[in-house]
Amino acid sequence: MDARTICHNRPSPLPVQFYNDAYRRTIGFERHPSALGQDGRACWDEIWHIIGRRSSR
């Protein structure tokens, strides 16, 4: 995959997120590596009311 950054919250009952190395640098040490494979709602709870609608598409 040729992408500068990518993060994907898979639409499912549990929106599991995965991302590439470039995105890892974007989210920083506060969230990586625990964010990898984590439920998107748990990782991004403070903004899930905004981004959650996008991940359900």
PDB file of N, CA and C in Angstrom:
ATOM      1  N   MET A   1       0.850  -1.162   0.000  1.00  0.00           N
ATOM      2  CA  MET A   1       0.000   0.000   0.000  1.00  0.00           C
ATOM      3  C   MET A   1       0.899   1.229   0.000  1.00  0.00           C
ATOM      4  N   ASP A   2       0.696   2.100  -0.944  1.00  0.00           N
ATOM      5  CA  ASP A   2       1.480   3.316  -1.023  1.00  0.00           C
ATOM      6  C   ASP A   2       0.639   4.461  -0.463  1.00  0.00           C
ATOM      7  N   ALA A   3       0.837   4.745   0.810  1.00  0.00           N
ATOM      8  CA  ALA A   3       0.067   5.804   1.455  1.00  0.00           C
ATOM      9  C   ALA A   3       0.955   6.524   2.452  1.00  0.00           C
ATOM     10  N   ARG A   4       0.761   7.804   2.556  1.00  0.00           N
ATOM     11  CA  ARG A   4       1.521   8.568   3.551  1.00  0.00           C
ATOM     12  C   ARG A   4       1.036   8.234   4.949  1.00  0.00           C
ATOM     13  N   THR A   5      -0.268   8.264   5.161  1.00  0.00           N
ATOM     14  CA  THR A   5      -0.837   7.830   6.430  1.00  0.00           C
ATOM     15  C   THR A   5      -2.172   7.159   6.156  1.00  0.00           C
ATOM     16  N   ILE A   6      -2.483   6.186   6.964  1.00  0.00           N
ATOM     17  CA  ILE A   6      -3.777   5.532   6.860  1.00  0.00           C
ATOM     18  C   ILE A   6      -4.147   4.976   8.220  1.00  0.00           C
ATOM     19  N   CYS A   7      -5.395   5.140   8.565  1.00  0.00           N
ATOM     20  CA  CYS A   7      -5.960   4.531   9.751  1.00  0.00           C
ATOM     21  C   CYS A   7      -7.330   4.040   9.341  1.00  0.00           C
ATOM     22  N   HIS A   8      -7.688   2.869   9.765  1.00  0.00           N
ATOM     23  CA  HIS A   8      -8.975   2.308   9.380  1.00  0.00           C
ATOM     24  C   HIS A   8      -9.662   1.774  10.611  1.00  0.00           C
ATOM     25  N   ASN A   9     -10.872   2.226  10.837  1.00  0.00           N
ATOM     26  CA  ASN A   9     -11.740   1.665  11.858  1.00  0.00           C
ATOM     27  C   ASN A   9     -12.739   0.793  11.125  1.00  0.00           C
ATOM     28  N   ARG A  10     -12.561  -0.506  11.217  1.00  0.00           N
ATOM     29  CA  ARG A  10     -13.382  -1.454  10.475  1.00  0.00           C
ATOM     30  C   ARG A  10     -14.815  -1.410  10.973  1.00  0.00           C
ATOM     31  N   PRO A  11     -15.795  -1.168  10.063  1.00  0.00           N
ATOM     32  CA  PRO A  11     -17.188  -1.158  10.494  1.00  0.00           C
ATOM     33  C   PRO A  11     -17.632  -2.571  10.863  1.00  0.00           C
ATOM     34  N   SER A  12     -17.946  -2.772  12.103  1.00  0.00           N
ATOM     35  CA  SER A  12     -18.391  -4.060  12.623  1.00  0.00           C
ATOM     36  C   SER A  12     -18.958  -3.798  14.007  1.00  0.00           C
ATOM     37  N   PRO A  13     -19.455  -4.826  14.655  1.00  0.00           N
ATOM     38  CA  PRO A  13     -19.927  -4.599  16.026  1.00  0.00           C
ATOM     39  C   PRO A  13     -18.849  -3.981  16.921  1.00  0.00           C
ATOM     40  N   LEU A  14     -17.587  -4.369  16.707  1.00  0.00           N
ATOM     41  CA  LEU A  14     -16.462  -3.741  17.394  1.00  0.00           C
ATOM     42  C   LEU A  14     -15.551  -3.129  16.338  1.00  0.00           C
ATOM     43  N   PRO A  15     -15.508  -1.815  16.238  1.00  0.00           N
ATOM     44  CA  PRO A  15     -14.694  -1.163  15.195  1.00  0.00           C
ATOM     45  C   PRO A  15     -13.201  -1.222  15.519  1.00  0.00           C
ATOM     46  N   VAL A  16     -12.574  -2.311  15.145  1.00  0.00           N
ATOM     47  CA  VAL A  16     -11.153  -2.528  15.401  1.00  0.00           C
ATOM     48  C   VAL A  16     -10.342  -1.669  14.440  1.00  0.00           C
ATOM     49  N   GLN A  17      -9.350  -0.985  14.944  1.00  0.00           N
ATOM     50  CA  GLN A  17      -8.554  -0.105  14.094  1.00  0.00           C
ATOM     51  C   GLN A  17      -7.188  -0.700  13.813  1.00  0.00           C
ATOM     52  N   PHE A  18      -6.714  -0.415  12.619  1.00  0.00           N
ATOM     53  CA  PHE A  18      -5.347  -0.751  12.262  1.00  0.00           C
ATOM     54  C   PHE A  18      -4.782   0.397  11.450  1.00  0.00           C
ATOM     55  N   TYR A  19      -3.467   0.507  11.391  1.00  0.00           N
ATOM     56  CA  TYR A  19      -2.835   1.651  10.741  1.00  0.00           C
ATOM     57  C   TYR A  19      -1.420   1.290  10.320  1.00  0.00           C
ATOM     58  N   ASN A  20      -0.862   2.147   9.456  1.00  0.00           N
ATOM     59  CA  ASN A  20       0.500   1.906   8.976  1.00  0.00           C
ATOM     60  C   ASN A  20       1.518   2.684   9.822  1.00  0.00           C
ATOM     61  N   ASP A  21       2.797   2.509   9.511  1.00  0.00           N
ATOM     62  CA  ASP A  21       3.863   3.156  10.285  1.00  0.00           C
ATOM     63  C   ASP A  21       3.788   4.675  10.248  1.00  0.00           C
ATOM     64  N   ALA A  22       3.396   5.243   9.129  1.00  0.00           N
ATOM     65  CA  ALA A  22       3.299   6.703   9.042  1.00  0.00           C
ATOM     66  C   ALA A  22       2.225   7.231   9.991  1.00  0.00           C
ATOM     67  N   TYR A  23       1.101   6.553  10.079  1.00  0.00           N
ATOM     68  CA  TYR A  23       0.037   6.990  10.993  1.00  0.00           C
ATOM     69  C   TYR A  23       0.470   6.804  12.446  1.00  0.00           C
ATOM     70  N   ARG A  24       1.273   5.796  12.711  1.00  0.00           N
ATOM     71  CA  ARG A  24       1.780   5.563  14.063  1.00  0.00           C
ATOM     72  C   ARG A  24       2.486   6.803  14.587  1.00  0.00           C
ATOM     73  N   ARG A  25       3.264   7.446  13.746  1.00  0.00           N
ATOM     74  CA  ARG A  25       3.941   8.679  14.161  1.00  0.00           C
ATOM     75  C   ARG A  25       2.942   9.809  14.400  1.00  0.00           C
ATOM     76  N   THR A  26       1.821   9.790  13.691  1.00  0.00           N
ATOM     77  CA  THR A  26       0.796  10.825  13.843  1.00  0.00           C
ATOM     78  C   THR A  26       0.095  10.728  15.195  1.00  0.00           C
ATOM     79  N   ILE A  27      -0.251   9.524  15.610  1.00  0.00           N
ATOM     80  CA  ILE A  27      -0.989   9.381  16.868  1.00  0.00           C
ATOM     81  C   ILE A  27      -0.097   9.479  18.092  1.00  0.00           C
ATOM     82  N   GLY A  28       1.200   9.274  17.910  1.00  0.00           N
ATOM     83  CA  GLY A  28       2.147   9.487  18.991  1.00  0.00           C
ATOM     84  C   GLY A  28       2.247   8.353  19.988  1.00  0.00           C
ATOM     85  N   PHE A  29       3.186   8.517  20.906  1.00  0.00           N
ATOM     86  CA  PHE A  29       3.478   7.470  21.871  1.00  0.00           C
ATOM     87  C   PHE A  29       2.375   7.292  22.906  1.00  0.00           C
ATOM     88  N   GLU A  30       1.483   8.277  23.039  1.00  0.00           N
ATOM     89  CA  GLU A  30       0.396   8.165  24.017  1.00  0.00           C
ATOM     90  C   GLU A  30      -0.569   7.045  23.653  1.00  0.00           C
ATOM     91  N   ARG A  31      -0.730   6.810  22.339  1.00  0.00           N
ATOM     92  CA  ARG A  31      -1.697   5.812  21.898  1.00  0.00           C
ATOM     93  C   ARG A  31      -1.070   4.570  21.276  1.00  0.00           C
ATOM     94  N   HIS A  32       0.107   4.705  20.690  1.00  0.00           N
ATOM     95  CA  HIS A  32       0.743   3.545  20.064  1.00  0.00           C
ATOM     96  C   HIS A  32       1.679   2.894  21.070  1.00  0.00           C
ATOM     97  N   PRO A  33       1.694   1.605  21.211  1.00  0.00           N
ATOM     98  CA  PRO A  33       1.099   0.573  20.372  1.00  0.00           C
ATOM     99  C   PRO A  33      -0.264   0.083  20.833  1.00  0.00           C
ATOM    100  N   SER A  34      -0.766   0.583  21.959  1.00  0.00           N
ATOM    101  CA  SER A  34      -2.030   0.052  22.480  1.00  0.00           C
ATOM    102  C   SER A  34      -3.212   0.282  21.538  1.00  0.00           C
ATOM    103  N   ALA A  35      -3.141   1.290  20.678  1.00  0.00           N
ATOM    104  CA  ALA A  35      -4.243   1.576  19.763  1.00  0.00           C
ATOM    105  C   ALA A  35      -4.370   0.554  18.639  1.00  0.00           C
ATOM    106  N   LEU A  36      -3.289  -0.114  18.311  1.00  0.00           N
ATOM    107  CA  LEU A  36      -3.298  -1.074  17.218  1.00  0.00           C
ATOM    108  C   LEU A  36      -4.145  -2.286  17.591  1.00  0.00           C
ATOM    109  N   GLY A  37      -5.221  -2.493  16.852  1.00  0.00           N
ATOM    110  CA  GLY A  37      -6.144  -3.586  17.119  1.00  0.00           C
ATOM    111  C   GLY A  37      -7.162  -3.291  18.195  1.00  0.00           C
ATOM    112  N   GLN A  38      -7.096  -2.118  18.759  1.00  0.00           N
ATOM    113  CA  GLN A  38      -8.016  -1.735  19.831  1.00  0.00           C
ATOM    114  C   GLN A  38      -9.360  -1.318  19.251  1.00  0.00           C
ATOM    115  N   ASP A  39     -10.393  -1.453  20.045  1.00  0.00           N
ATOM    116  CA  ASP A  39     -11.707  -0.940  19.683  1.00  0.00           C
ATOM    117  C   ASP A  39     -11.565   0.570  19.491  1.00  0.00           C
ATOM    118  N   GLY A  40     -11.964   1.073  18.332  1.00  0.00           N
ATOM    119  CA  GLY A  40     -11.842   2.496  18.030  1.00  0.00           C
ATOM    120  C   GLY A  40     -12.529   3.390  19.042  1.00  0.00           C
ATOM    121  N   ARG A  41     -13.663   2.921  19.559  1.00  0.00           N
ATOM    122  CA  ARG A  41     -14.387   3.725  20.562  1.00  0.00           C
ATOM    123  C   ARG A  41     -13.575   3.898  21.827  1.00  0.00           C
ATOM    124  N   ALA A  42     -12.845   2.875  22.217  1.00  0.00           N
ATOM    125  CA  ALA A  42     -12.041   2.953  23.441  1.00  0.00           C
ATOM    126  C   ALA A  42     -10.853   3.892  23.258  1.00  0.00           C
ATOM    127  N   CYS A  43     -10.234   3.837  22.094  1.00  0.00           N
ATOM    128  CA  CYS A  43      -9.060   4.662  21.838  1.00  0.00           C
ATOM    129  C   CYS A  43      -9.413   6.134  21.654  1.00  0.00           C
ATOM    130  N   TRP A  44     -10.509   6.377  20.980  1.00  0.00           N
ATOM    131  CA  TRP A  44     -10.885   7.741  20.610  1.00  0.00           C
ATOM    132  C   TRP A  44     -12.174   8.190  21.302  1.00  0.00           C
ATOM    133  N   ASP A  45     -12.372   7.789  22.542  1.00  0.00           N
ATOM    134  CA  ASP A  45     -13.629   8.076  23.230  1.00  0.00           C
ATOM    135  C   ASP A  45     -13.955   9.566  23.309  1.00  0.00           C
ATOM    136  N   GLU A  46     -12.943  10.426  23.405  1.00  0.00           N
ATOM    137  CA  GLU A  46     -13.210  11.863  23.535  1.00  0.00           C
ATOM    138  C   GLU A  46     -13.726  12.503  22.247  1.00  0.00           C
ATOM    139  N   ILE A  47     -13.534  11.851  21.100  1.00  0.00           N
ATOM    140  CA  ILE A  47     -14.038  12.399  19.830  1.00  0.00           C
ATOM    141  C   ILE A  47     -14.901  11.396  19.065  1.00  0.00           C
ATOM    142  N   TRP A  48     -15.252  10.267  19.707  1.00  0.00           N
ATOM    143  CA  TRP A  48     -16.012   9.229  19.000  1.00  0.00           C
ATOM    144  C   TRP A  48     -17.367   9.737  18.510  1.00  0.00           C
ATOM    145  N   HIS A  49     -17.957  10.679  19.217  1.00  0.00           N
ATOM    146  CA  HIS A  49     -19.245  11.226  18.779  1.00  0.00           C
ATOM    147  C   HIS A  49     -19.129  11.901  17.408  1.00  0.00           C
ATOM    148  N   ILE A  50     -17.930  12.289  17.005  1.00  0.00           N
ATOM    149  CA  ILE A  50     -17.696  12.894  15.688  1.00  0.00           C
ATOM    150  C   ILE A  50     -17.241  11.845  14.676  1.00  0.00           C
ATOM    151  N   ILE A  51     -16.207  11.078  15.015  1.00  0.00           N
ATOM    152  CA  ILE A  51     -15.632  10.145  14.042  1.00  0.00           C
ATOM    153  C   ILE A  51     -16.370   8.806  13.978  1.00  0.00           C
ATOM    154  N   GLY A  52     -17.147   8.489  14.975  1.00  0.00           N
ATOM    155  CA  GLY A  52     -17.864   7.210  14.987  1.00  0.00           C
ATOM    156  C   GLY A  52     -18.832   7.078  13.819  1.00  0.00           C
ATOM    157  N   ARG A  53     -19.458   8.173  13.452  1.00  0.00           N
ATOM    158  CA  ARG A  53     -20.403   8.135  12.317  1.00  0.00           C
ATOM    159  C   ARG A  53     -19.679   7.798  11.026  1.00  0.00           C
ATOM    160  N   ARG A  54     -18.463   8.280  10.863  1.00  0.00           N
ATOM    161  CA  ARG A  54     -17.681   7.983   9.654  1.00  0.00           C
ATOM    162  C   ARG A  54     -17.277   6.531   9.592  1.00  0.00           C
ATOM    163  N   SER A  55     -16.947   5.930  10.714  1.00  0.00           N
ATOM    164  CA  SER A  55     -16.474   4.547  10.690  1.00  0.00           C
ATOM    165  C   SER A  55     -17.612   3.556  10.462  1.00  0.00           C
ATOM    166  N   SER A  56     -18.842   3.993  10.642  1.00  0.00           N
ATOM    167  CA  SER A  56     -19.977   3.083  10.445  1.00  0.00           C
ATOM    168  C   SER A  56     -20.441   3.021   8.999  1.00  0.00           C
ATOM    169  N   ARG A  57     -19.811   3.783   8.112  1.00  0.00           N
ATOM    170  CA  ARG A  57     -20.211   3.777   6.696  1.00  0.00           C
ATOM    171  C   ARG A  57     -19.656   2.602   5.968  1.00  0.00           C
TER     172      ARG A  57
END
